[in-house]
Amino acid sequence: CSAFRSGSSNPRIEWKFQKGSSLILFYYGGELTEPYRNRVQFSPTTIRFSTVTREDTGKYICEVVGDGSQIARSEVTLIVQGETPPSPRP
């Protein structure tokens, strides 16, 4: 997720998780929220899960709010099909 706008000195970045009709903020105010805090690596433009379960299946939404409340939005859908750790193929 990235958005660039000239003149925007300090954009606000939020990551949200949508599953069905529920929407959960999981990066807000410069911090990861629970239960993501200990299993997600964050940079201003990416998130990376160290582990996932089927409960993590859903839509991840990044919003960047700049000057004048202009919003840039990006979405990605994660589908976790199983909980067996990946292994190298022979």
N, C-alpha and C. Protein backbone atom coordinates (compact mmCIF):
# COMPACT_ATOMS: atom_id res chain seq x y z
N CYS A 1 0.86 -1.17 0.00
CA CYS A 1 0.00 0.00 0.00
C CYS A 1 0.90 1.22 0.00
N SER A 2 0.76 2.05 -0.99
CA SER A 2 1.55 3.28 -0.98
C SER A 2 0.78 4.39 -1.64
N ALA A 3 0.97 5.57 -1.15
CA ALA A 3 0.34 6.75 -1.73
C ALA A 3 1.29 7.92 -1.52
N PHE A 4 1.45 8.70 -2.53
CA PHE A 4 2.35 9.84 -2.45
C PHE A 4 1.61 11.07 -2.95
N ARG A 5 1.76 12.15 -2.23
CA ARG A 5 1.13 13.40 -2.63
C ARG A 5 2.07 14.52 -2.23
N SER A 6 2.43 15.35 -3.18
CA SER A 6 3.34 16.44 -2.85
C SER A 6 2.68 17.38 -1.86
N GLY A 7 3.44 17.80 -0.90
CA GLY A 7 2.93 18.72 0.10
C GLY A 7 2.34 18.05 1.33
N SER A 8 2.13 16.74 1.28
CA SER A 8 1.58 16.04 2.44
C SER A 8 2.71 15.76 3.41
N SER A 9 2.72 16.47 4.52
CA SER A 9 3.85 16.37 5.43
C SER A 9 3.82 15.13 6.31
N ASN A 10 2.65 14.74 6.77
CA ASN A 10 2.57 13.61 7.68
C ASN A 10 1.26 12.86 7.46
N PRO A 11 1.21 12.00 6.44
CA PRO A 11 -0.06 11.31 6.17
C PRO A 11 -0.39 10.31 7.28
N ARG A 12 -1.67 10.10 7.50
CA ARG A 12 -2.14 9.11 8.47
C ARG A 12 -2.35 7.79 7.73
N ILE A 13 -1.78 6.72 8.26
CA ILE A 13 -1.90 5.40 7.63
C ILE A 13 -2.70 4.50 8.56
N GLU A 14 -3.72 3.86 8.00
CA GLU A 14 -4.54 2.91 8.76
C GLU A 14 -4.65 1.62 7.96
N TRP A 15 -4.54 0.48 8.64
CA TRP A 15 -4.82 -0.82 8.05
C TRP A 15 -6.05 -1.37 8.75
N LYS A 16 -6.98 -1.91 7.97
CA LYS A 16 -8.21 -2.47 8.51
C LYS A 16 -8.37 -3.89 7.98
N PHE A 17 -9.08 -4.70 8.74
CA PHE A 17 -9.38 -6.08 8.35
C PHE A 17 -10.89 -6.22 8.29
N GLN A 18 -11.38 -6.67 7.14
CA GLN A 18 -12.81 -6.85 6.97
C GLN A 18 -13.11 -8.31 6.74
N LYS A 19 -13.99 -8.85 7.59
CA LYS A 19 -14.45 -10.22 7.44
C LYS A 19 -15.96 -10.18 7.56
N GLY A 20 -16.63 -10.48 6.46
CA GLY A 20 -18.08 -10.36 6.46
C GLY A 20 -18.46 -8.91 6.66
N SER A 21 -19.32 -8.65 7.63
CA SER A 21 -19.76 -7.28 7.88
C SER A 21 -18.95 -6.58 8.97
N SER A 22 -18.01 -7.30 9.60
CA SER A 22 -17.22 -6.67 10.66
C SER A 22 -15.95 -6.04 10.09
N LEU A 23 -15.54 -4.92 10.68
CA LEU A 23 -14.35 -4.19 10.26
C LEU A 23 -13.52 -3.91 11.50
N ILE A 24 -12.26 -4.34 11.49
CA ILE A 24 -11.38 -4.22 12.64
C ILE A 24 -10.17 -3.38 12.25
N LEU A 25 -9.85 -2.37 13.04
CA LEU A 25 -8.61 -1.62 12.83
C LEU A 25 -7.47 -2.44 13.39
N PHE A 26 -6.45 -2.71 12.56
CA PHE A 26 -5.33 -3.43 13.18
C PHE A 26 -4.03 -2.67 13.10
N TYR A 27 -3.99 -1.55 12.41
CA TYR A 27 -2.87 -0.62 12.54
C TYR A 27 -3.48 0.76 12.58
N TYR A 28 -3.34 1.43 13.72
CA TYR A 28 -3.97 2.72 13.90
C TYR A 28 -3.15 3.54 14.89
N GLY A 29 -3.02 4.82 14.61
CA GLY A 29 -2.28 5.69 15.53
C GLY A 29 -0.82 5.31 15.65
N GLY A 30 -0.26 4.72 14.60
CA GLY A 30 1.16 4.35 14.62
C GLY A 30 1.46 3.05 15.34
N GLU A 31 0.43 2.26 15.67
CA GLU A 31 0.67 1.01 16.40
C GLU A 31 -0.20 -0.12 15.87
N LEU A 32 0.34 -1.33 15.94
CA LEU A 32 -0.45 -2.53 15.66
C LEU A 32 -1.34 -2.80 16.86
N THR A 33 -2.54 -3.28 16.61
CA THR A 33 -3.47 -3.61 17.69
C THR A 33 -3.40 -5.12 17.96
N GLU A 34 -3.97 -5.54 19.07
CA GLU A 34 -4.07 -6.97 19.38
C GLU A 34 -5.15 -7.56 18.48
N PRO A 35 -5.04 -8.77 18.04
CA PRO A 35 -4.02 -9.79 18.30
C PRO A 35 -2.88 -9.79 17.30
N TYR A 36 -2.73 -8.70 16.53
CA TYR A 36 -1.73 -8.66 15.46
C TYR A 36 -0.34 -8.23 15.93
N ARG A 37 -0.27 -7.60 17.06
CA ARG A 37 0.97 -6.98 17.53
C ARG A 37 2.18 -7.92 17.49
N ASN A 38 2.00 -9.17 17.89
CA ASN A 38 3.15 -10.08 18.00
C ASN A 38 3.36 -10.97 16.79
N ARG A 39 2.53 -10.83 15.74
CA ARG A 39 2.71 -11.72 14.60
C ARG A 39 2.66 -11.04 13.24
N VAL A 40 2.69 -9.70 13.26
CA VAL A 40 2.72 -8.95 12.01
C VAL A 40 3.91 -8.00 12.03
N GLN A 41 4.67 -8.00 10.94
CA GLN A 41 5.74 -7.03 10.77
C GLN A 41 5.17 -5.91 9.92
N PHE A 42 5.43 -4.68 10.32
CA PHE A 42 4.84 -3.53 9.66
C PHE A 42 5.91 -2.59 9.15
N SER A 43 5.70 -2.08 7.96
CA SER A 43 6.44 -0.92 7.46
C SER A 43 5.37 0.02 6.92
N PRO A 44 5.70 1.26 6.65
CA PRO A 44 4.64 2.17 6.19
C PRO A 44 3.89 1.71 4.94
N THR A 45 4.48 0.83 4.15
CA THR A 45 3.80 0.43 2.92
C THR A 45 3.44 -1.05 2.86
N THR A 46 3.83 -1.85 3.84
CA THR A 46 3.55 -3.29 3.77
C THR A 46 3.22 -3.85 5.15
N ILE A 47 2.54 -4.99 5.12
CA ILE A 47 2.37 -5.81 6.31
C ILE A 47 2.82 -7.21 5.94
N ARG A 48 3.39 -7.92 6.89
CA ARG A 48 3.84 -9.29 6.66
C ARG A 48 3.52 -10.11 7.90
N PHE A 49 2.72 -11.15 7.70
CA PHE A 49 2.35 -12.03 8.80
C PHE A 49 3.44 -13.07 9.01
N SER A 50 3.82 -13.32 10.27
CA SER A 50 4.76 -14.41 10.55
C SER A 50 4.01 -15.74 10.60
N THR A 51 2.76 -15.72 11.01
CA THR A 51 1.90 -16.91 11.00
C THR A 51 0.48 -16.48 10.64
N VAL A 52 -0.25 -17.38 10.00
CA VAL A 52 -1.66 -17.10 9.68
C VAL A 52 -2.50 -18.32 10.02
N THR A 53 -3.78 -18.09 10.28
CA THR A 53 -4.74 -19.16 10.48
C THR A 53 -5.93 -18.85 9.57
N ARG A 54 -6.88 -19.76 9.53
CA ARG A 54 -8.08 -19.52 8.72
C ARG A 54 -8.85 -18.28 9.18
N GLU A 55 -8.69 -17.92 10.44
CA GLU A 55 -9.35 -16.71 10.96
C GLU A 55 -8.82 -15.44 10.31
N ASP A 56 -7.65 -15.51 9.69
CA ASP A 56 -7.06 -14.34 9.03
C ASP A 56 -7.59 -14.15 7.61
N THR A 57 -8.39 -15.11 7.13
CA THR A 57 -8.99 -14.98 5.80
C THR A 57 -9.92 -13.79 5.77
N GLY A 58 -9.73 -12.91 4.81
CA GLY A 58 -10.59 -11.74 4.67
C GLY A 58 -9.92 -10.67 3.84
N LYS A 59 -10.48 -9.49 3.86
CA LYS A 59 -9.98 -8.37 3.08
C LYS A 59 -9.17 -7.44 3.97
N TYR A 60 -7.99 -7.08 3.51
CA TYR A 60 -7.12 -6.14 4.21
C TYR A 60 -7.12 -4.83 3.43
N ILE A 61 -7.41 -3.76 4.13
CA ILE A 61 -7.59 -2.46 3.51
C ILE A 61 -6.58 -1.48 4.10
N CYS A 62 -5.85 -0.81 3.23
CA CYS A 62 -4.93 0.23 3.67
C CYS A 62 -5.49 1.56 3.21
N GLU A 63 -5.56 2.52 4.13
CA GLU A 63 -5.98 3.87 3.79
C GLU A 63 -4.91 4.85 4.24
N VAL A 64 -4.56 5.75 3.32
CA VAL A 64 -3.61 6.82 3.61
C VAL A 64 -4.37 8.12 3.48
N VAL A 65 -4.43 8.87 4.57
CA VAL A 65 -5.15 10.14 4.58
C VAL A 65 -4.13 11.26 4.63
N GLY A 66 -4.17 12.11 3.60
CA GLY A 66 -3.21 13.20 3.51
C GLY A 66 -3.85 14.54 3.82
N ASP A 67 -3.17 15.59 3.40
CA ASP A 67 -3.68 16.95 3.58
C ASP A 67 -5.04 17.10 2.92
N GLY A 68 -5.91 17.87 3.52
CA GLY A 68 -7.23 18.10 2.95
C GLY A 68 -8.12 16.89 3.03
N SER A 69 -7.78 15.91 3.86
CA SER A 69 -8.55 14.69 4.06
C SER A 69 -8.72 13.87 2.78
N GLN A 70 -7.78 14.01 1.84
CA GLN A 70 -7.82 13.17 0.65
C GLN A 70 -7.35 11.78 1.03
N ILE A 71 -8.06 10.76 0.52
CA ILE A 71 -7.79 9.38 0.90
C ILE A 71 -7.32 8.58 -0.30
N ALA A 72 -6.23 7.84 -0.12
CA ALA A 72 -5.80 6.83 -1.08
C ALA A 72 -6.06 5.49 -0.42
N ARG A 73 -6.63 4.54 -1.17
CA ARG A 73 -7.04 3.27 -0.57
C ARG A 73 -6.56 2.12 -1.43
N SER A 74 -6.14 1.07 -0.77
CA SER A 74 -5.69 -0.13 -1.44
C SER A 74 -6.26 -1.33 -0.69
N GLU A 75 -6.64 -2.38 -1.43
CA GLU A 75 -7.23 -3.56 -0.80
C GLU A 75 -6.56 -4.82 -1.34
N VAL A 76 -6.48 -5.82 -0.48
CA VAL A 76 -6.01 -7.15 -0.90
C VAL A 76 -6.80 -8.18 -0.11
N THR A 77 -7.15 -9.28 -0.76
CA THR A 77 -7.88 -10.36 -0.09
C THR A 77 -6.92 -11.51 0.19
N LEU A 78 -6.91 -11.96 1.43
CA LEU A 78 -6.09 -13.09 1.86
C LEU A 78 -7.01 -14.28 2.08
N ILE A 79 -6.66 -15.41 1.48
CA ILE A 79 -7.40 -16.65 1.68
C ILE A 79 -6.44 -17.68 2.25
N VAL A 80 -6.70 -18.11 3.47
CA VAL A 80 -5.89 -19.14 4.12
C VAL A 80 -6.64 -20.45 3.95
N GLN A 81 -6.06 -21.38 3.16
CA GLN A 81 -6.77 -22.63 2.85
C GLN A 81 -6.49 -23.74 3.85
N GLY A 82 -5.40 -23.66 4.56
CA GLY A 82 -5.07 -24.69 5.54
C GLY A 82 -4.13 -24.11 6.57
N GLU A 83 -3.86 -24.88 7.58
CA GLU A 83 -2.99 -24.38 8.64
C GLU A 83 -1.71 -25.20 8.76
N THR A 84 -1.39 -25.94 7.71
CA THR A 84 -0.16 -26.70 7.70
C THR A 84 0.96 -25.79 7.22
N PRO A 85 2.07 -25.71 7.92
CA PRO A 85 3.15 -24.83 7.48
C PRO A 85 3.66 -25.27 6.11
N PRO A 86 4.04 -24.31 5.27
CA PRO A 86 4.57 -24.68 3.97
C PRO A 86 5.88 -25.44 4.10
N SER A 87 6.14 -26.30 3.16
CA SER A 87 7.40 -27.03 3.15
C SER A 87 7.98 -26.99 1.74
N PRO A 88 9.30 -27.07 1.65
CA PRO A 88 9.91 -27.04 0.32
C PRO A 88 9.53 -28.26 -0.49
N ARG A 89 9.35 -28.05 -1.79
CA ARG A 89 9.05 -29.16 -2.66
C ARG A 89 10.35 -29.84 -3.08
N PRO A 90 10.29 -31.19 -3.24
CA PRO A 90 11.52 -31.90 -3.64
C PRO A 90 11.93 -31.55 -5.06
